[in-house]
N, C-alpha and C. Protein backbone atom coordinates (compact mmCIF):
# COMPACT_ATOMS: atom_id res chain seq x y z
N MET A 1 -15.36 28.81 29.70
CA MET A 1 -15.20 29.32 28.42
C MET A 1 -14.38 30.52 28.40
N VAL A 2 -13.77 30.66 27.24
CA VAL A 2 -12.68 31.92 26.97
C VAL A 2 -13.53 33.16 27.28
N GLU A 3 -14.69 33.42 26.67
CA GLU A 3 -15.18 34.65 26.74
C GLU A 3 -15.73 35.17 28.04
N GLN A 4 -15.83 34.27 28.97
CA GLN A 4 -16.36 34.33 30.39
C GLN A 4 -14.98 34.85 31.33
N THR A 5 -13.89 34.70 30.75
CA THR A 5 -12.61 34.95 31.60
C THR A 5 -12.34 36.35 31.50
N GLU A 6 -12.04 37.15 32.41
CA GLU A 6 -11.45 38.45 32.21
C GLU A 6 -9.92 38.35 32.40
N PHE A 7 -9.32 38.74 31.46
CA PHE A 7 -7.86 38.90 31.43
C PHE A 7 -7.40 40.37 31.89
N LYS A 8 -6.45 40.55 32.79
CA LYS A 8 -6.03 41.63 33.34
C LYS A 8 -4.66 42.48 32.64
N LEU A 9 -4.72 43.40 32.08
CA LEU A 9 -3.68 43.99 31.55
C LEU A 9 -2.65 44.71 32.64
N ASP A 10 -1.34 44.85 32.24
CA ASP A 10 -0.41 45.45 33.18
C ASP A 10 -1.01 46.67 33.78
N ASP A 11 -1.81 47.49 33.22
CA ASP A 11 -2.42 48.77 33.79
C ASP A 11 -3.65 48.54 34.60
N GLY A 12 -4.04 47.18 34.86
CA GLY A 12 -5.26 46.78 35.64
C GLY A 12 -6.48 46.69 34.99
N GLN A 13 -6.50 47.16 33.59
CA GLN A 13 -7.81 47.25 32.96
C GLN A 13 -8.07 45.63 32.63
N GLY A 14 -9.29 45.32 32.66
CA GLY A 14 -9.80 44.09 32.34
C GLY A 14 -10.45 43.94 31.00
N ILE A 15 -10.01 42.78 30.13
CA ILE A 15 -10.53 42.56 28.89
C ILE A 15 -11.09 41.19 28.84
N HIS A 16 -12.09 40.95 27.87
CA HIS A 16 -12.53 39.76 27.43
C HIS A 16 -12.25 39.35 26.09
N ARG A 17 -12.03 38.13 25.81
CA ARG A 17 -11.89 37.64 24.50
C ARG A 17 -12.62 36.52 24.10
N THR A 18 -12.65 36.20 22.78
CA THR A 18 -13.32 35.03 22.33
C THR A 18 -12.18 34.18 21.54
N CYS A 19 -12.49 32.95 21.14
CA CYS A 19 -11.58 32.23 20.52
C CYS A 19 -12.38 31.22 19.46
N SER A 20 -11.89 31.26 18.23
CA SER A 20 -12.39 30.25 17.18
C SER A 20 -11.34 29.37 16.88
N ALA A 21 -11.66 28.10 16.50
CA ALA A 21 -10.80 27.05 15.92
C ALA A 21 -11.22 26.26 15.04
N GLY A 22 -10.48 25.56 14.12
CA GLY A 22 -10.83 24.81 13.11
C GLY A 22 -10.02 23.66 13.48
N VAL A 23 -10.47 22.54 13.41
CA VAL A 23 -9.73 21.03 13.95
C VAL A 23 -9.76 20.14 12.61
N ALA A 24 -8.66 19.69 12.16
CA ALA A 24 -8.40 18.68 11.07
C ALA A 24 -7.49 17.66 11.67
N ALA A 25 -7.66 16.42 11.31
CA ALA A 25 -7.01 15.30 11.62
C ALA A 25 -6.34 14.41 10.72
N VAL A 26 -5.24 13.85 10.87
CA VAL A 26 -4.70 12.81 9.99
C VAL A 26 -5.18 11.56 10.46
N PRO A 27 -5.61 10.63 9.57
CA PRO A 27 -5.63 10.58 8.15
C PRO A 27 -7.05 10.98 7.74
N LEU A 28 -7.91 11.48 8.68
CA LEU A 28 -9.26 11.58 8.33
C LEU A 28 -9.56 12.75 7.15
N ASP A 29 -8.52 13.71 7.57
CA ASP A 29 -8.95 14.92 6.75
C ASP A 29 -7.69 15.05 5.82
N ALA A 30 -6.68 14.83 5.88
CA ALA A 30 -5.46 14.84 5.09
C ALA A 30 -4.30 13.90 5.53
N ASN A 31 -3.61 13.95 4.61
CA ASN A 31 -2.26 12.75 4.63
C ASN A 31 -1.08 13.58 4.57
N ASP A 32 -0.88 14.93 4.41
CA ASP A 32 0.43 15.61 4.44
C ASP A 32 0.10 16.89 5.24
N ALA A 33 1.19 17.53 5.69
CA ALA A 33 1.15 18.86 6.51
C ALA A 33 0.38 19.94 5.88
N GLU A 34 0.75 20.06 4.50
CA GLU A 34 0.02 21.27 3.78
C GLU A 34 -1.31 21.01 3.71
N SER A 35 -2.04 19.89 3.33
CA SER A 35 -3.36 19.52 3.29
C SER A 35 -3.96 19.64 4.51
N LEU A 36 -3.34 19.16 5.61
CA LEU A 36 -3.84 19.36 6.99
C LEU A 36 -4.18 20.74 7.35
N VAL A 37 -3.19 21.59 7.16
CA VAL A 37 -3.17 23.14 7.38
C VAL A 37 -4.51 23.54 6.74
N LYS A 38 -4.63 23.32 5.43
CA LYS A 38 -5.67 23.89 4.44
C LYS A 38 -6.98 23.46 4.99
N ALA A 39 -7.12 22.10 5.60
CA ALA A 39 -8.38 21.64 5.96
C ALA A 39 -8.82 22.31 7.29
N ALA A 40 -7.71 22.59 8.25
CA ALA A 40 -8.11 23.20 9.50
C ALA A 40 -8.36 24.60 9.22
N ASP A 41 -7.72 25.26 8.18
CA ASP A 41 -7.95 26.74 7.90
C ASP A 41 -9.41 26.83 7.24
N SER A 42 -9.78 25.92 6.46
CA SER A 42 -11.28 25.92 6.16
C SER A 42 -12.28 25.92 7.11
N ALA A 43 -12.01 25.05 8.22
CA ALA A 43 -12.92 24.85 9.23
C ALA A 43 -12.90 26.20 10.24
N LEU A 44 -11.65 26.74 10.23
CA LEU A 44 -11.51 27.84 11.16
C LEU A 44 -12.26 29.16 10.52
N TYR A 45 -12.38 29.27 9.15
CA TYR A 45 -12.93 30.46 8.44
C TYR A 45 -14.53 30.00 8.61
N TYR A 46 -15.00 29.05 8.41
CA TYR A 46 -16.21 28.62 8.68
C TYR A 46 -16.70 28.92 10.10
N ALA A 47 -15.97 28.73 11.13
CA ALA A 47 -16.32 29.09 12.40
C ALA A 47 -16.38 30.66 12.64
N LYS A 48 -15.65 31.29 11.92
CA LYS A 48 -15.54 32.90 12.10
C LYS A 48 -16.91 33.37 11.30
N GLU A 49 -17.11 32.93 10.15
CA GLU A 49 -18.36 33.22 9.37
C GLU A 49 -19.56 32.98 10.15
N HIS A 50 -19.55 32.08 11.02
CA HIS A 50 -20.97 31.62 11.53
C HIS A 50 -20.83 31.94 13.02
N GLY A 51 -20.49 33.08 13.36
CA GLY A 51 -20.72 33.51 14.64
C GLY A 51 -19.49 33.62 15.59
N ARG A 52 -18.28 33.18 15.21
CA ARG A 52 -17.02 33.23 16.06
C ARG A 52 -17.33 32.51 17.38
N ASN A 53 -16.37 32.50 18.17
CA ASN A 53 -16.25 31.86 19.36
C ASN A 53 -16.67 30.48 19.44
N ARG A 54 -16.17 29.57 18.55
CA ARG A 54 -16.70 28.19 18.41
C ARG A 54 -15.59 27.39 17.71
N VAL A 55 -15.73 26.03 17.71
CA VAL A 55 -14.74 25.06 17.27
C VAL A 55 -15.52 24.48 16.16
N VAL A 56 -15.12 24.38 14.95
CA VAL A 56 -15.60 23.53 13.83
C VAL A 56 -14.68 22.35 13.48
N LEU A 57 -15.29 21.12 13.39
CA LEU A 57 -14.50 19.97 12.97
C LEU A 57 -14.49 19.72 11.52
N THR A 58 -13.40 19.88 10.82
CA THR A 58 -13.17 19.76 9.35
C THR A 58 -13.94 18.50 8.75
N GLN A 59 -13.85 17.41 9.52
CA GLN A 59 -14.37 16.13 8.80
C GLN A 59 -15.67 16.21 8.64
N GLU A 60 -16.44 17.25 9.37
CA GLU A 60 -17.95 17.07 9.26
C GLU A 60 -18.51 18.26 8.56
N LEU A 61 -17.63 19.16 7.80
CA LEU A 61 -17.87 20.36 7.12
C LEU A 61 -18.89 20.08 5.86
N ALA A 62 -18.69 18.94 5.21
CA ALA A 62 -19.44 18.62 4.07
C ALA A 62 -20.85 18.14 4.46
N ASP A 63 -21.08 17.70 5.53
CA ASP A 63 -22.48 17.51 5.95
C ASP A 63 -23.10 18.62 6.56
N SER A 64 -23.28 18.93 7.70
CA SER A 64 -23.75 19.85 8.30
C SER A 64 -22.88 20.27 9.52
N PRO A 65 -21.82 21.16 9.49
CA PRO A 65 -20.78 21.20 10.41
C PRO A 65 -21.42 21.28 11.94
N PRO A 66 -20.92 20.45 12.91
CA PRO A 66 -21.01 20.72 14.17
C PRO A 66 -20.47 21.84 14.57
N VAL A 67 -21.26 22.58 15.45
CA VAL A 67 -20.57 23.99 15.90
C VAL A 67 -20.68 23.68 17.47
N ILE A 68 -19.34 23.79 18.19
CA ILE A 68 -19.22 23.60 19.55
C ILE A 68 -19.02 25.00 20.02
N GLU A 69 -19.81 25.37 21.04
CA GLU A 69 -19.74 26.64 21.65
C GLU A 69 -19.23 26.54 23.11
């Protein structure tokens, strides 16, 4: 998992990071590039609003979005 990985900076300092993602797919979520980006963006913001460090699938946002940690 990303948050468990220590990244070393040039000065030797170690830092930890997290990652949030929104996933959208053609043709399930959109039929063109602009709509696809908007769908993935909506899922990304949902992930950030609900604890960060997770992946949310756009196609299941309407129901009860699955959150993958």
